[in-house]
Amino acid sequence: MKIKHSEKVIAKANNLLMMNYEAEKIYSDAHDIVEDDNLKSFFRERAFERNEFARELRKETAKLGEKPQSFEGLNKLSRPYHFFWRNLRPLLKENDAPELLDQICTIKEWSIDHYNDLLQELNLPLSLCKMLAEQRDSLHYKMNSIKVKETLEV
């Protein structure tokens, strides 16, 4: 017997999926702009990570009995996406690493907030809950690593 999950959970899962698509796009576009090999590698890794997060989330959303939202054919990107991209793009061209890393942390905080919002929903399937917690914790760990690195370089 398949349990039908609330529309609210489905909507939040799809919002989280969309946020991961957008973060992947930010990182992929950033990779194409920066010239520094270390930054290129950093952005390629972050884009791949978000692609993997989205793949896992699509699988979990399908388990909820819903068709996961697709990035293809998306007409409109979110306001936060435009905000982050508007702030990030000039820094990529300037290779302003400290400011760039601050913006990356802001993107990660935005992401963590989305994960926490969904994790607060009642009656989440265990597999979804575990996957969300793992992805959120990975984002949190990487954000803290960036902040420690910034602190050590000052």
N, C-alpha and C. Protein backbone atom coordinates (compact mmCIF):
# COMPACT_ATOMS: atom_id res chain seq x y z
N MET A 1 0.84 -1.18 0.00
CA MET A 1 0.00 0.00 0.00
C MET A 1 0.88 1.25 0.00
N LYS A 2 0.67 2.12 -0.95
CA LYS A 2 1.46 3.34 -1.08
C LYS A 2 0.82 4.45 -0.26
N ILE A 3 1.63 5.11 0.57
CA ILE A 3 1.13 6.21 1.38
C ILE A 3 1.19 7.49 0.55
N LYS A 4 0.10 8.22 0.51
CA LYS A 4 0.06 9.49 -0.20
C LYS A 4 0.56 10.57 0.76
N HIS A 5 1.60 11.25 0.35
CA HIS A 5 2.18 12.29 1.20
C HIS A 5 1.53 13.63 0.92
N SER A 6 1.60 14.49 1.90
CA SER A 6 0.93 15.78 1.80
C SER A 6 1.47 16.61 0.63
N GLU A 7 0.60 17.44 0.11
CA GLU A 7 0.99 18.34 -0.97
C GLU A 7 2.10 19.27 -0.51
N LYS A 8 2.07 19.62 0.77
CA LYS A 8 3.08 20.51 1.32
C LYS A 8 4.47 19.87 1.25
N VAL A 9 4.57 18.58 1.61
CA VAL A 9 5.85 17.87 1.54
C VAL A 9 6.32 17.77 0.10
N ILE A 10 5.41 17.44 -0.80
CA ILE A 10 5.75 17.32 -2.22
C ILE A 10 6.24 18.68 -2.75
N ALA A 11 5.53 19.74 -2.40
CA ALA A 11 5.91 21.07 -2.87
C ALA A 11 7.29 21.46 -2.33
N LYS A 12 7.54 21.18 -1.06
CA LYS A 12 8.85 21.51 -0.48
C LYS A 12 9.96 20.65 -1.09
N ALA A 13 9.68 19.40 -1.37
CA ALA A 13 10.68 18.54 -2.02
C ALA A 13 11.00 19.06 -3.42
N ASN A 14 9.97 19.46 -4.15
CA ASN A 14 10.20 20.02 -5.49
C ASN A 14 10.92 21.37 -5.42
N ASN A 15 10.61 22.18 -4.40
CA ASN A 15 11.34 23.45 -4.23
C ASN A 15 12.81 23.18 -3.94
N LEU A 16 13.08 22.19 -3.12
CA LEU A 16 14.45 21.82 -2.79
C LEU A 16 15.17 21.29 -4.04
N LEU A 17 14.46 20.52 -4.81
CA LEU A 17 15.02 20.00 -6.06
C LEU A 17 15.37 21.17 -6.99
N MET A 18 14.46 22.12 -7.12
CA MET A 18 14.69 23.28 -7.97
C MET A 18 15.87 24.10 -7.46
N MET A 19 15.96 24.25 -6.15
CA MET A 19 17.08 24.99 -5.56
C MET A 19 18.40 24.30 -5.90
N ASN A 20 18.44 22.98 -5.88
CA ASN A 20 19.66 22.26 -6.24
C ASN A 20 19.98 22.43 -7.73
N TYR A 21 18.96 22.41 -8.59
CA TYR A 21 19.20 22.68 -10.02
C TYR A 21 19.82 24.06 -10.19
N GLU A 22 19.26 25.04 -9.50
CA GLU A 22 19.75 26.41 -9.63
C GLU A 22 21.15 26.56 -9.08
N ALA A 23 21.45 25.94 -7.95
CA ALA A 23 22.80 26.00 -7.39
C ALA A 23 23.79 25.34 -8.35
N GLU A 24 23.39 24.22 -8.94
CA GLU A 24 24.25 23.56 -9.93
C GLU A 24 24.53 24.51 -11.10
N LYS A 25 23.50 25.21 -11.56
CA LYS A 25 23.66 26.14 -12.67
C LYS A 25 24.60 27.29 -12.29
N ILE A 26 24.46 27.82 -11.09
CA ILE A 26 25.35 28.88 -10.62
C ILE A 26 26.79 28.38 -10.66
N TYR A 27 27.03 27.20 -10.11
CA TYR A 27 28.39 26.68 -10.06
C TYR A 27 28.93 26.36 -11.45
N SER A 28 28.10 25.82 -12.33
CA SER A 28 28.54 25.51 -13.70
C SER A 28 28.89 26.79 -14.45
N ASP A 29 28.03 27.80 -14.32
CA ASP A 29 28.29 29.07 -14.98
C ASP A 29 29.54 29.74 -14.40
N ALA A 30 29.72 29.64 -13.10
CA ALA A 30 30.91 30.21 -12.45
C ALA A 30 32.17 29.51 -12.98
N HIS A 31 32.09 28.20 -13.12
CA HIS A 31 33.23 27.43 -13.65
C HIS A 31 33.64 27.95 -15.03
N ASP A 32 32.64 28.30 -15.85
CA ASP A 32 32.92 28.76 -17.20
C ASP A 32 33.54 30.16 -17.24
N ILE A 33 33.38 30.92 -16.16
CA ILE A 33 33.86 32.30 -16.14
C ILE A 33 35.25 32.43 -15.52
N VAL A 34 35.49 31.75 -14.40
CA VAL A 34 36.76 31.93 -13.71
C VAL A 34 37.92 31.38 -14.53
N GLU A 35 39.08 31.98 -14.30
CA GLU A 35 40.27 31.54 -15.02
C GLU A 35 41.22 30.74 -14.13
N ASP A 36 41.16 30.96 -12.84
CA ASP A 36 42.03 30.27 -11.90
C ASP A 36 41.69 28.78 -11.87
N ASP A 37 42.70 27.93 -12.04
CA ASP A 37 42.47 26.48 -12.09
C ASP A 37 41.89 25.93 -10.80
N ASN A 38 42.32 26.47 -9.65
CA ASN A 38 41.78 26.00 -8.37
C ASN A 38 40.30 26.34 -8.25
N LEU A 39 39.92 27.54 -8.68
CA LEU A 39 38.51 27.93 -8.63
C LEU A 39 37.69 27.13 -9.64
N LYS A 40 38.26 26.88 -10.82
CA LYS A 40 37.56 26.05 -11.81
C LYS A 40 37.26 24.68 -11.22
N SER A 41 38.25 24.10 -10.58
CA SER A 41 38.08 22.78 -9.96
C SER A 41 37.03 22.85 -8.84
N PHE A 42 37.10 23.88 -8.01
CA PHE A 42 36.15 24.06 -6.91
C PHE A 42 34.71 24.12 -7.45
N PHE A 43 34.49 24.94 -8.48
CA PHE A 43 33.14 25.09 -9.02
C PHE A 43 32.66 23.84 -9.75
N ARG A 44 33.57 23.15 -10.42
CA ARG A 44 33.20 21.89 -11.07
C ARG A 44 32.75 20.87 -10.03
N GLU A 45 33.50 20.79 -8.92
CA GLU A 45 33.13 19.86 -7.84
C GLU A 45 31.79 20.22 -7.22
N ARG A 46 31.55 21.50 -6.99
CA ARG A 46 30.28 21.93 -6.39
C ARG A 46 29.12 21.64 -7.35
N ALA A 47 29.32 21.88 -8.63
CA ALA A 47 28.24 21.60 -9.61
C ALA A 47 27.94 20.11 -9.63
N PHE A 48 28.98 19.27 -9.62
CA PHE A 48 28.79 17.83 -9.62
C PHE A 48 28.05 17.39 -8.35
N GLU A 49 28.45 17.98 -7.22
CA GLU A 49 27.80 17.65 -5.95
C GLU A 49 26.30 17.96 -6.02
N ARG A 50 25.95 19.13 -6.54
CA ARG A 50 24.53 19.50 -6.63
C ARG A 50 23.78 18.63 -7.62
N ASN A 51 24.45 18.21 -8.68
CA ASN A 51 23.84 17.30 -9.62
C ASN A 51 23.51 15.98 -8.94
N GLU A 52 24.44 15.48 -8.13
CA GLU A 52 24.21 14.24 -7.38
C GLU A 52 23.08 14.41 -6.36
N PHE A 53 23.07 15.55 -5.67
CA PHE A 53 22.00 15.82 -4.70
C PHE A 53 20.65 15.79 -5.42
N ALA A 54 20.57 16.45 -6.57
CA ALA A 54 19.31 16.49 -7.32
C ALA A 54 18.90 15.09 -7.78
N ARG A 55 19.87 14.30 -8.24
CA ARG A 55 19.57 12.94 -8.69
C ARG A 55 18.97 12.13 -7.54
N GLU A 56 19.58 12.20 -6.36
CA GLU A 56 19.08 11.46 -5.20
C GLU A 56 17.70 11.97 -4.78
N LEU A 57 17.52 13.28 -4.82
CA LEU A 57 16.25 13.87 -4.43
C LEU A 57 15.14 13.51 -5.42
N ARG A 58 15.46 13.46 -6.71
CA ARG A 58 14.46 13.03 -7.71
C ARG A 58 13.99 11.61 -7.40
N LYS A 59 14.95 10.75 -7.06
CA LYS A 59 14.60 9.36 -6.75
C LYS A 59 13.70 9.29 -5.52
N GLU A 60 14.01 10.06 -4.49
CA GLU A 60 13.19 10.07 -3.27
C GLU A 60 11.82 10.69 -3.52
N THR A 61 11.76 11.72 -4.36
CA THR A 61 10.48 12.35 -4.67
C THR A 61 9.58 11.37 -5.43
N ALA A 62 10.17 10.60 -6.32
CA ALA A 62 9.41 9.59 -7.05
C ALA A 62 8.84 8.54 -6.09
N LYS A 63 9.59 8.22 -5.04
CA LYS A 63 9.11 7.26 -4.04
C LYS A 63 7.88 7.80 -3.30
N LEU A 64 7.74 9.13 -3.27
CA LEU A 64 6.59 9.74 -2.61
C LEU A 64 5.33 9.60 -3.46
N GLY A 65 5.50 9.09 -4.67
CA GLY A 65 4.35 8.91 -5.54
C GLY A 65 4.11 10.08 -6.46
N GLU A 66 5.08 10.94 -6.59
CA GLU A 66 4.94 12.13 -7.43
C GLU A 66 6.03 12.15 -8.49
N LYS A 67 5.74 12.82 -9.58
CA LYS A 67 6.75 13.01 -10.61
C LYS A 67 7.63 14.20 -10.18
N PRO A 68 8.94 13.98 -10.05
CA PRO A 68 9.82 15.08 -9.64
C PRO A 68 9.85 16.19 -10.68
N GLN A 69 10.01 17.40 -10.20
CA GLN A 69 10.09 18.55 -11.09
C GLN A 69 11.38 18.45 -11.91
N SER A 70 11.30 18.87 -13.16
CA SER A 70 12.45 18.81 -14.06
C SER A 70 12.97 20.21 -14.32
N PHE A 71 14.28 20.32 -14.51
CA PHE A 71 14.88 21.62 -14.81
C PHE A 71 14.71 21.97 -16.29
N GLU A 72 14.62 20.95 -17.13
CA GLU A 72 14.43 21.19 -18.56
C GLU A 72 13.07 21.85 -18.79
N GLY A 73 13.08 22.82 -19.62
CA GLY A 73 11.82 23.49 -19.94
C GLY A 73 11.39 24.50 -18.88
N LEU A 74 12.23 24.72 -17.88
CA LEU A 74 11.91 25.70 -16.85
C LEU A 74 11.96 27.09 -17.46
N ASN A 75 10.87 27.81 -17.34
CA ASN A 75 10.79 29.13 -17.95
C ASN A 75 11.42 30.22 -17.10
N LYS A 76 11.39 30.03 -15.80
CA LYS A 76 11.75 31.12 -14.91
C LYS A 76 12.60 30.60 -13.76
N LEU A 77 13.72 31.27 -13.51
CA LEU A 77 14.55 30.94 -12.36
C LEU A 77 14.09 31.79 -11.18
N SER A 78 14.36 31.32 -9.99
CA SER A 78 13.86 31.99 -8.79
C SER A 78 14.54 33.32 -8.52
N ARG A 79 13.92 34.11 -7.69
CA ARG A 79 14.50 35.39 -7.27
C ARG A 79 15.84 35.20 -6.56
N PRO A 80 15.92 34.23 -5.61
CA PRO A 80 17.22 34.03 -4.96
C PRO A 80 18.32 33.69 -5.96
N TYR A 81 17.99 32.89 -6.98
CA TYR A 81 18.98 32.55 -8.00
C TYR A 81 19.52 33.84 -8.63
N HIS A 82 18.62 34.72 -9.06
CA HIS A 82 19.04 35.97 -9.70
C HIS A 82 19.84 36.84 -8.74
N PHE A 83 19.44 36.87 -7.49
CA PHE A 83 20.16 37.64 -6.48
C PHE A 83 21.59 37.12 -6.34
N PHE A 84 21.74 35.80 -6.17
CA PHE A 84 23.07 35.22 -6.01
C PHE A 84 23.92 35.42 -7.25
N TRP A 85 23.32 35.21 -8.41
CA TRP A 85 24.09 35.34 -9.64
C TRP A 85 24.52 36.78 -9.87
N ARG A 86 23.64 37.73 -9.56
CA ARG A 86 23.97 39.15 -9.71
C ARG A 86 25.14 39.54 -8.80
N ASN A 87 25.19 38.97 -7.59
CA ASN A 87 26.27 39.28 -6.66
C ASN A 87 27.55 38.51 -6.97
N LEU A 88 27.42 37.33 -7.50
CA LEU A 88 28.57 36.46 -7.74
C LEU A 88 29.31 36.80 -9.04
N ARG A 89 28.58 37.10 -10.08
CA ARG A 89 29.18 37.29 -11.41
C ARG A 89 30.33 38.31 -11.43
N PRO A 90 30.17 39.51 -10.87
CA PRO A 90 31.30 40.47 -10.91
C PRO A 90 32.52 39.95 -10.14
N LEU A 91 32.30 39.21 -9.06
CA LEU A 91 33.41 38.67 -8.27
C LEU A 91 34.18 37.62 -9.05
N LEU A 92 33.48 36.88 -9.89
CA LEU A 92 34.14 35.85 -10.71
C LEU A 92 35.09 36.49 -11.71
N LYS A 93 34.68 37.59 -12.28
CA LYS A 93 35.51 38.28 -13.27
C LYS A 93 36.71 38.95 -12.62
N GLU A 94 36.54 39.38 -11.37
CA GLU A 94 37.63 40.05 -10.65
C GLU A 94 38.55 39.06 -9.95
N ASN A 95 38.14 37.79 -9.88
CA ASN A 95 38.87 36.77 -9.11
C ASN A 95 39.10 37.22 -7.67
N ASP A 96 38.07 37.83 -7.09
CA ASP A 96 38.09 38.30 -5.70
C ASP A 96 37.74 37.12 -4.79
N ALA A 97 38.75 36.32 -4.44
CA ALA A 97 38.52 35.06 -3.72
C ALA A 97 37.81 35.24 -2.37
N PRO A 98 38.23 36.18 -1.50
CA PRO A 98 37.53 36.29 -0.20
C PRO A 98 36.04 36.62 -0.35
N GLU A 99 35.71 37.59 -1.19
CA GLU A 99 34.30 37.94 -1.41
C GLU A 99 33.55 36.80 -2.09
N LEU A 100 34.24 36.14 -3.00
CA LEU A 100 33.67 35.01 -3.71
C LEU A 100 33.28 33.91 -2.73
N LEU A 101 34.17 33.60 -1.81
CA LEU A 101 33.90 32.56 -0.82
C LEU A 101 32.76 32.97 0.11
N ASP A 102 32.68 34.26 0.43
CA ASP A 102 31.54 34.74 1.23
C ASP A 102 30.22 34.48 0.52
N GLN A 103 30.19 34.75 -0.79
CA GLN A 103 28.97 34.52 -1.56
C GLN A 103 28.63 33.03 -1.63
N ILE A 104 29.66 32.18 -1.74
CA ILE A 104 29.44 30.73 -1.77
C ILE A 104 28.82 30.30 -0.43
N CYS A 105 29.32 30.85 0.66
CA CYS A 105 28.74 30.52 1.98
C CYS A 105 27.29 30.97 2.06
N THR A 106 26.97 32.11 1.47
CA THR A 106 25.59 32.60 1.47
C THR A 106 24.70 31.63 0.69
N ILE A 107 25.19 31.12 -0.44
CA ILE A 107 24.43 30.14 -1.22
C ILE A 107 24.22 28.88 -0.39
N LYS A 108 25.25 28.45 0.32
CA LYS A 108 25.14 27.25 1.14
C LYS A 108 24.15 27.47 2.29
N GLU A 109 24.16 28.66 2.90
CA GLU A 109 23.20 28.96 3.98
C GLU A 109 21.77 28.92 3.44
N TRP A 110 21.56 29.47 2.26
CA TRP A 110 20.26 29.44 1.59
C TRP A 110 19.82 27.99 1.40
N SER A 111 20.74 27.17 0.96
CA SER A 111 20.45 25.76 0.74
C SER A 111 20.12 25.04 2.04
N ILE A 112 20.92 25.27 3.05
CA ILE A 112 20.71 24.62 4.36
C ILE A 112 19.33 24.98 4.91
N ASP A 113 18.94 26.23 4.75
CA ASP A 113 17.61 26.66 5.20
C ASP A 113 16.51 25.87 4.50
N HIS A 114 16.66 25.63 3.18
CA HIS A 114 15.67 24.84 2.44
C HIS A 114 15.62 23.40 2.95
N TYR A 115 16.78 22.84 3.23
CA TYR A 115 16.82 21.47 3.76
C TYR A 115 16.14 21.41 5.12
N ASN A 116 16.46 22.36 6.00
CA ASN A 116 15.86 22.37 7.34
C ASN A 116 14.35 22.54 7.27
N ASP A 117 13.89 23.35 6.34
CA ASP A 117 12.45 23.57 6.19
C ASP A 117 11.74 22.25 5.87
N LEU A 118 12.29 21.48 4.96
CA LEU A 118 11.66 20.19 4.62
C LEU A 118 11.83 19.19 5.76
N LEU A 119 12.98 19.19 6.40
CA LEU A 119 13.22 18.24 7.51
C LEU A 119 12.27 18.46 8.69
N GLN A 120 11.68 19.63 8.80
CA GLN A 120 10.76 19.92 9.90
C GLN A 120 9.37 19.36 9.67
N GLU A 121 9.11 18.88 8.47
CA GLU A 121 7.79 18.32 8.16
C GLU A 121 7.61 16.99 8.91
N LEU A 122 6.41 16.75 9.35
CA LEU A 122 6.09 15.52 10.06
C LEU A 122 5.92 14.36 9.08
N ASN A 123 6.19 13.16 9.56
CA ASN A 123 5.95 11.91 8.84
C ASN A 123 6.72 11.79 7.52
N LEU A 124 7.95 12.32 7.49
CA LEU A 124 8.77 12.11 6.30
C LEU A 124 9.23 10.66 6.28
N PRO A 125 9.27 10.04 5.12
CA PRO A 125 9.81 8.69 5.05
C PRO A 125 11.26 8.69 5.54
N LEU A 126 11.66 7.63 6.20
CA LEU A 126 12.99 7.54 6.78
C LEU A 126 14.08 7.73 5.73
N SER A 127 13.93 7.10 4.57
CA SER A 127 14.98 7.22 3.54
C SER A 127 15.13 8.67 3.08
N LEU A 128 14.02 9.39 2.95
CA LEU A 128 14.07 10.80 2.56
C LEU A 128 14.72 11.62 3.66
N CYS A 129 14.32 11.38 4.88
CA CYS A 129 14.86 12.12 6.02
C CYS A 129 16.38 11.93 6.13
N LYS A 130 16.84 10.69 6.01
CA LYS A 130 18.27 10.40 6.09
C LYS A 130 19.04 11.08 4.96
N MET A 131 18.51 11.00 3.75
CA MET A 131 19.18 11.62 2.61
C MET A 131 19.26 13.13 2.77
N LEU A 132 18.16 13.75 3.20
CA LEU A 132 18.14 15.20 3.41
C LEU A 132 19.15 15.61 4.47
N ALA A 133 19.19 14.88 5.58
CA ALA A 133 20.12 15.20 6.66
C ALA A 133 21.57 15.05 6.19
N GLU A 134 21.86 14.00 5.42
CA GLU A 134 23.22 13.80 4.90
C GLU A 134 23.63 14.94 3.96
N GLN A 135 22.74 15.31 3.06
CA GLN A 135 23.06 16.39 2.12
C GLN A 135 23.23 17.72 2.86
N ARG A 136 22.31 18.00 3.78
CA ARG A 136 22.40 19.24 4.55
C ARG A 136 23.70 19.29 5.34
N ASP A 137 24.04 18.18 5.99
CA ASP A 137 25.26 18.14 6.78
C ASP A 137 26.51 18.29 5.92
N SER A 138 26.47 17.75 4.72
CA SER A 138 27.59 17.91 3.79
C SER A 138 27.76 19.38 3.41
N LEU A 139 26.65 20.05 3.11
CA LEU A 139 26.70 21.48 2.80
C LEU A 139 27.23 22.28 3.99
N HIS A 140 26.77 21.94 5.16
CA HIS A 140 27.19 22.64 6.37
C HIS A 140 28.68 22.44 6.62
N TYR A 141 29.16 21.22 6.45
CA TYR A 141 30.57 20.91 6.65
C TYR A 141 31.44 21.71 5.67
N LYS A 142 31.03 21.74 4.41
CA LYS A 142 31.82 22.45 3.40
C LYS A 142 31.78 23.96 3.65
N MET A 143 30.64 24.47 4.09
CA MET A 143 30.55 25.89 4.40
C MET A 143 31.48 26.22 5.56
N ASN A 144 31.49 25.41 6.60
CA ASN A 144 32.37 25.65 7.73
C ASN A 144 33.84 25.53 7.33
N SER A 145 34.15 24.62 6.42
CA SER A 145 35.53 24.48 5.93
C SER A 145 35.98 25.75 5.22
N ILE A 146 35.08 26.34 4.42
CA ILE A 146 35.38 27.59 3.73
C ILE A 146 35.63 28.70 4.74
N LYS A 147 34.77 28.78 5.74
CA LYS A 147 34.91 29.84 6.76
C LYS A 147 36.21 29.68 7.55
N VAL A 148 36.59 28.45 7.87
CA VAL A 148 37.85 28.20 8.59
C VAL A 148 39.02 28.60 7.72
N LYS A 149 38.96 28.24 6.44
CA LYS A 149 40.05 28.58 5.52
C LYS A 149 40.18 30.09 5.42
N GLU A 150 39.07 30.81 5.34
CA GLU A 150 39.11 32.27 5.26
C GLU A 150 39.74 32.86 6.52
N THR A 151 39.37 32.31 7.67
CA THR A 151 39.88 32.80 8.94
C THR A 151 41.39 32.59 9.03
N LEU A 152 41.87 31.45 8.59
CA LEU A 152 43.30 31.14 8.65
C LEU A 152 44.12 32.00 7.71
N GLU A 153 43.51 32.45 6.61
CA GLU A 153 44.25 33.26 5.64
C GLU A 153 44.28 34.72 6.02
N VAL A 154 43.47 35.14 6.98
CA VAL A 154 43.43 36.56 7.37
C VAL A 154 44.59 36.92 8.24
